[in-house]
């Protein structure tokens, strides 16, 4: 039971820190005159990435085996990277 309470506290404090960091990042991008759409995209990308890492850490604290979750995430990231690189290249016309 104490590990569960510690995991909940870690979750809430971690989410609070992530939200504060994302807000500060948004303000910094706004001062740098970054386009609003790009600013929102980068903020959400970083925020969601940090939240996924936090959830995996909290799940590990509770006792859930997270090795398979990390492997799936790594595979997804690699697959997205391959599609991002191969997409524009595969649709090129003849040289």
N, C-alpha and C. Protein backbone atom coordinates (compact mmCIF):
# COMPACT_ATOMS: atom_id res chain seq x y z
N UNK A 1 0.81 -1.21 0.00
CA UNK A 1 0.00 0.00 0.00
C UNK A 1 0.86 1.27 0.00
N UNK A 2 1.97 1.33 0.76
CA UNK A 2 2.78 2.55 0.72
C UNK A 2 3.38 2.80 -0.66
N UNK A 3 3.73 1.74 -1.41
CA UNK A 3 4.27 1.94 -2.75
C UNK A 3 3.22 2.53 -3.68
N UNK A 4 1.97 2.11 -3.51
CA UNK A 4 0.89 2.65 -4.32
C UNK A 4 0.68 4.13 -4.04
N UNK A 5 0.70 4.51 -2.75
CA UNK A 5 0.55 5.92 -2.40
C UNK A 5 1.73 6.74 -2.91
N UNK A 6 2.93 6.20 -2.81
CA UNK A 6 4.10 6.89 -3.32
C UNK A 6 4.01 7.04 -4.84
N UNK A 7 3.48 6.03 -5.52
CA UNK A 7 3.31 6.11 -6.97
C UNK A 7 2.29 7.18 -7.34
N UNK A 8 1.20 7.28 -6.57
CA UNK A 8 0.20 8.32 -6.83
C UNK A 8 0.78 9.72 -6.62
N UNK A 9 1.53 9.88 -5.55
CA UNK A 9 2.16 11.17 -5.29
C UNK A 9 3.14 11.51 -6.41
N UNK A 10 3.92 10.52 -6.83
CA UNK A 10 4.86 10.72 -7.93
C UNK A 10 4.13 11.11 -9.21
N UNK A 11 3.00 10.47 -9.46
CA UNK A 11 2.21 10.78 -10.66
C UNK A 11 1.72 12.22 -10.63
N UNK A 12 1.11 12.63 -9.53
CA UNK A 12 0.55 13.98 -9.46
C UNK A 12 1.63 15.05 -9.48
N UNK A 13 2.70 14.83 -8.75
CA UNK A 13 3.80 15.80 -8.75
C UNK A 13 4.46 15.84 -10.13
N UNK A 14 4.64 14.68 -10.75
CA UNK A 14 5.24 14.63 -12.08
C UNK A 14 4.39 15.34 -13.12
N UNK A 15 3.07 15.14 -13.08
CA UNK A 15 2.18 15.84 -14.01
C UNK A 15 2.22 17.35 -13.79
N UNK A 16 2.28 17.77 -12.53
CA UNK A 16 2.37 19.19 -12.22
C UNK A 16 3.66 19.79 -12.78
N UNK A 17 4.77 19.08 -12.59
CA UNK A 17 6.06 19.56 -13.09
C UNK A 17 6.05 19.61 -14.62
N UNK A 18 5.48 18.59 -15.26
CA UNK A 18 5.42 18.57 -16.72
C UNK A 18 4.58 19.73 -17.24
N UNK A 19 3.45 20.00 -16.60
CA UNK A 19 2.61 21.12 -17.03
C UNK A 19 3.32 22.46 -16.85
N UNK A 20 4.03 22.62 -15.74
CA UNK A 20 4.80 23.86 -15.53
C UNK A 20 5.90 24.00 -16.57
N UNK A 21 6.60 22.92 -16.87
CA UNK A 21 7.66 22.94 -17.86
C UNK A 21 7.10 23.28 -19.24
N UNK A 22 5.96 22.67 -19.59
CA UNK A 22 5.34 22.92 -20.90
C UNK A 22 4.87 24.37 -21.01
N UNK A 23 4.35 24.92 -19.93
CA UNK A 23 3.93 26.33 -19.95
C UNK A 23 5.12 27.25 -20.12
N UNK A 24 6.21 26.96 -19.42
CA UNK A 24 7.42 27.76 -19.57
C UNK A 24 8.00 27.65 -20.96
N UNK A 25 7.95 26.46 -21.53
CA UNK A 25 8.41 26.25 -22.89
C UNK A 25 7.56 27.04 -23.88
N UNK A 26 6.26 27.05 -23.65
CA UNK A 26 5.36 27.80 -24.52
C UNK A 26 5.65 29.30 -24.45
N UNK A 27 5.89 29.80 -23.25
CA UNK A 27 6.22 31.23 -23.10
C UNK A 27 7.55 31.56 -23.78
N UNK A 28 8.51 30.67 -23.66
CA UNK A 28 9.81 30.91 -24.30
C UNK A 28 9.66 30.91 -25.82
N UNK A 29 8.86 30.00 -26.36
CA UNK A 29 8.63 29.98 -27.79
C UNK A 29 7.88 31.23 -28.25
N UNK A 30 6.96 31.69 -27.42
CA UNK A 30 6.20 32.89 -27.77
C UNK A 30 7.10 34.12 -27.82
N UNK A 31 8.02 34.21 -26.87
CA UNK A 31 8.98 35.33 -26.89
C UNK A 31 9.89 35.27 -28.10
N UNK A 32 10.15 34.07 -28.60
CA UNK A 32 11.00 33.90 -29.77
C UNK A 32 10.25 34.06 -31.08
N UNK A 33 9.01 34.49 -31.02
CA UNK A 33 8.16 34.71 -32.20
C UNK A 33 8.02 33.46 -33.06
N UNK A 34 7.85 32.32 -32.42
CA UNK A 34 7.61 31.08 -33.16
C UNK A 34 6.14 31.03 -33.57
N UNK A 35 5.88 30.46 -34.72
CA UNK A 35 4.51 30.35 -35.20
C UNK A 35 3.66 29.56 -34.20
N UNK A 36 2.42 29.98 -34.03
CA UNK A 36 1.54 29.39 -33.01
C UNK A 36 1.31 27.90 -33.23
N UNK A 37 1.12 27.49 -34.48
CA UNK A 37 0.86 26.07 -34.76
C UNK A 37 2.07 25.21 -34.43
N UNK A 38 3.25 25.67 -34.84
CA UNK A 38 4.48 24.92 -34.54
C UNK A 38 4.75 24.90 -33.05
N UNK A 39 4.50 26.02 -32.38
CA UNK A 39 4.70 26.12 -30.93
C UNK A 39 3.82 25.10 -30.20
N UNK A 40 2.55 25.02 -30.61
CA UNK A 40 1.63 24.08 -29.97
C UNK A 40 2.04 22.64 -30.25
N UNK A 41 2.47 22.36 -31.49
CA UNK A 41 2.87 21.01 -31.85
C UNK A 41 4.08 20.55 -31.03
N UNK A 42 5.10 21.40 -30.94
CA UNK A 42 6.31 21.03 -30.19
C UNK A 42 6.00 20.89 -28.71
N UNK A 43 5.17 21.79 -28.19
CA UNK A 43 4.80 21.70 -26.77
C UNK A 43 4.07 20.39 -26.50
N UNK A 44 3.11 20.03 -27.34
CA UNK A 44 2.37 18.78 -27.14
C UNK A 44 3.26 17.56 -27.32
N UNK A 45 4.16 17.61 -28.28
CA UNK A 45 5.07 16.49 -28.51
C UNK A 45 5.95 16.23 -27.29
N UNK A 46 6.53 17.28 -26.76
CA UNK A 46 7.39 17.14 -25.58
C UNK A 46 6.57 16.74 -24.36
N UNK A 47 5.41 17.37 -24.18
CA UNK A 47 4.58 17.08 -23.02
C UNK A 47 4.09 15.63 -23.02
N UNK A 48 3.62 15.15 -24.16
CA UNK A 48 3.13 13.77 -24.24
C UNK A 48 4.27 12.78 -24.04
N UNK A 49 5.44 13.08 -24.61
CA UNK A 49 6.59 12.21 -24.40
C UNK A 49 6.98 12.09 -22.94
N UNK A 50 6.99 13.23 -22.25
CA UNK A 50 7.32 13.21 -20.82
C UNK A 50 6.25 12.50 -20.01
N UNK A 51 4.99 12.67 -20.39
CA UNK A 51 3.91 11.99 -19.67
C UNK A 51 3.99 10.47 -19.86
N UNK A 52 4.34 10.02 -21.04
CA UNK A 52 4.50 8.57 -21.28
C UNK A 52 5.62 8.03 -20.41
N UNK A 53 6.75 8.74 -20.36
CA UNK A 53 7.85 8.30 -19.51
C UNK A 53 7.44 8.28 -18.04
N UNK A 54 6.67 9.28 -17.62
CA UNK A 54 6.19 9.31 -16.23
C UNK A 54 5.28 8.13 -15.94
N UNK A 55 4.36 7.84 -16.85
CA UNK A 55 3.44 6.72 -16.63
C UNK A 55 4.18 5.39 -16.58
N UNK A 56 5.19 5.22 -17.41
CA UNK A 56 5.98 3.99 -17.36
C UNK A 56 6.71 3.89 -16.03
N UNK A 57 7.24 5.01 -15.55
CA UNK A 57 7.93 5.00 -14.25
C UNK A 57 6.98 4.68 -13.11
N UNK A 58 5.79 5.26 -13.14
CA UNK A 58 4.80 5.00 -12.08
C UNK A 58 4.34 3.55 -12.14
N UNK A 59 4.14 3.03 -13.34
CA UNK A 59 3.74 1.62 -13.47
C UNK A 59 4.82 0.71 -12.92
N UNK A 60 6.06 1.06 -13.13
CA UNK A 60 7.17 0.28 -12.59
C UNK A 60 7.19 0.34 -11.06
N UNK A 61 6.87 1.51 -10.52
CA UNK A 61 6.84 1.66 -9.06
C UNK A 61 5.76 0.79 -8.43
N UNK A 62 4.63 0.65 -9.13
CA UNK A 62 3.51 -0.13 -8.61
C UNK A 62 3.81 -1.63 -8.70
N UNK A 63 4.67 -2.01 -9.65
CA UNK A 63 5.02 -3.42 -9.77
C UNK A 63 4.67 -4.02 -11.11
N UNK A 64 4.23 -3.21 -12.05
CA UNK A 64 3.90 -3.70 -13.38
C UNK A 64 5.19 -3.83 -14.17
N UNK A 65 5.36 -4.94 -14.86
CA UNK A 65 6.55 -5.15 -15.69
C UNK A 65 6.48 -4.21 -16.89
N UNK A 66 7.46 -3.32 -17.00
CA UNK A 66 7.41 -2.29 -18.03
C UNK A 66 8.38 -2.55 -19.18
N UNK A 67 9.09 -3.65 -19.15
CA UNK A 67 10.06 -3.93 -20.21
C UNK A 67 9.37 -4.04 -21.57
N UNK A 68 8.23 -4.72 -21.62
CA UNK A 68 7.53 -4.86 -22.89
C UNK A 68 6.96 -3.53 -23.36
N UNK A 69 6.52 -2.68 -22.42
CA UNK A 69 6.01 -1.36 -22.81
C UNK A 69 7.11 -0.53 -23.44
N UNK A 70 8.29 -0.58 -22.87
CA UNK A 70 9.41 0.18 -23.41
C UNK A 70 9.80 -0.35 -24.78
N UNK A 71 9.78 -1.67 -24.95
CA UNK A 71 10.13 -2.26 -26.25
C UNK A 71 9.12 -1.85 -27.32
N UNK A 72 7.85 -1.84 -26.97
CA UNK A 72 6.81 -1.43 -27.93
C UNK A 72 6.99 0.03 -28.30
N UNK A 73 7.25 0.88 -27.32
CA UNK A 73 7.46 2.31 -27.60
C UNK A 73 8.66 2.52 -28.51
N UNK A 74 9.73 1.81 -28.24
CA UNK A 74 10.93 1.95 -29.08
C UNK A 74 10.63 1.50 -30.51
N UNK A 75 9.88 0.43 -30.66
CA UNK A 75 9.51 -0.04 -32.00
C UNK A 75 8.62 0.97 -32.72
N UNK A 76 7.68 1.57 -32.00
CA UNK A 76 6.82 2.58 -32.60
C UNK A 76 7.62 3.79 -33.05
N UNK A 77 8.54 4.23 -32.23
CA UNK A 77 9.36 5.39 -32.57
C UNK A 77 10.21 5.09 -33.80
N UNK A 78 10.78 3.88 -33.85
CA UNK A 78 11.60 3.51 -35.00
C UNK A 78 10.76 3.44 -36.26
N UNK A 79 9.57 2.87 -36.16
CA UNK A 79 8.69 2.75 -37.32
C UNK A 79 8.28 4.12 -37.83
N UNK A 80 7.92 5.02 -36.93
CA UNK A 80 7.56 6.38 -37.34
C UNK A 80 8.74 7.08 -37.99
N UNK A 81 9.92 6.89 -37.47
CA UNK A 81 11.10 7.49 -38.05
C UNK A 81 11.38 6.96 -39.45
N UNK A 82 11.18 5.66 -39.63
CA UNK A 82 11.40 5.07 -40.95
C UNK A 82 10.39 5.59 -41.95
N UNK A 83 9.13 5.70 -41.56
CA UNK A 83 8.12 6.23 -42.47
C UNK A 83 8.39 7.70 -42.78
N UNK A 84 8.87 8.43 -41.79
CA UNK A 84 9.18 9.84 -42.01
C UNK A 84 10.33 10.03 -42.97
N UNK A 85 11.30 9.14 -42.93
CA UNK A 85 12.45 9.25 -43.83
C UNK A 85 12.13 8.65 -45.19
N UNK A 86 11.46 7.51 -45.21
CA UNK A 86 11.21 6.82 -46.48
C UNK A 86 10.06 7.42 -47.26
N UNK A 87 9.13 8.07 -46.58
CA UNK A 87 7.97 8.63 -47.27
C UNK A 87 8.34 9.58 -48.39
N UNK A 88 9.08 10.66 -48.10
CA UNK A 88 9.42 11.59 -49.18
C UNK A 88 10.36 10.96 -50.22
N UNK A 89 11.21 10.05 -49.81
CA UNK A 89 12.18 9.45 -50.74
C UNK A 89 11.49 8.49 -51.69
N UNK A 90 10.53 7.72 -51.21
CA UNK A 90 9.91 6.69 -52.03
C UNK A 90 9.01 7.26 -53.12
N UNK A 91 8.57 8.49 -52.98
CA UNK A 91 7.68 9.08 -53.98
C UNK A 91 8.40 10.01 -54.94
N UNK A 92 9.72 9.95 -54.97
CA UNK A 92 10.48 10.77 -55.91
C UNK A 92 10.36 10.20 -57.31
N UNK A 93 10.34 11.08 -58.29
CA UNK A 93 10.29 10.65 -59.68
C UNK A 93 11.66 10.19 -60.13
N UNK A 94 11.76 9.76 -61.36
CA UNK A 94 13.07 9.32 -61.86
C UNK A 94 14.03 10.49 -61.95
N UNK A 95 15.29 10.20 -61.71
CA UNK A 95 16.30 11.25 -61.75
C UNK A 95 16.58 11.54 -63.16
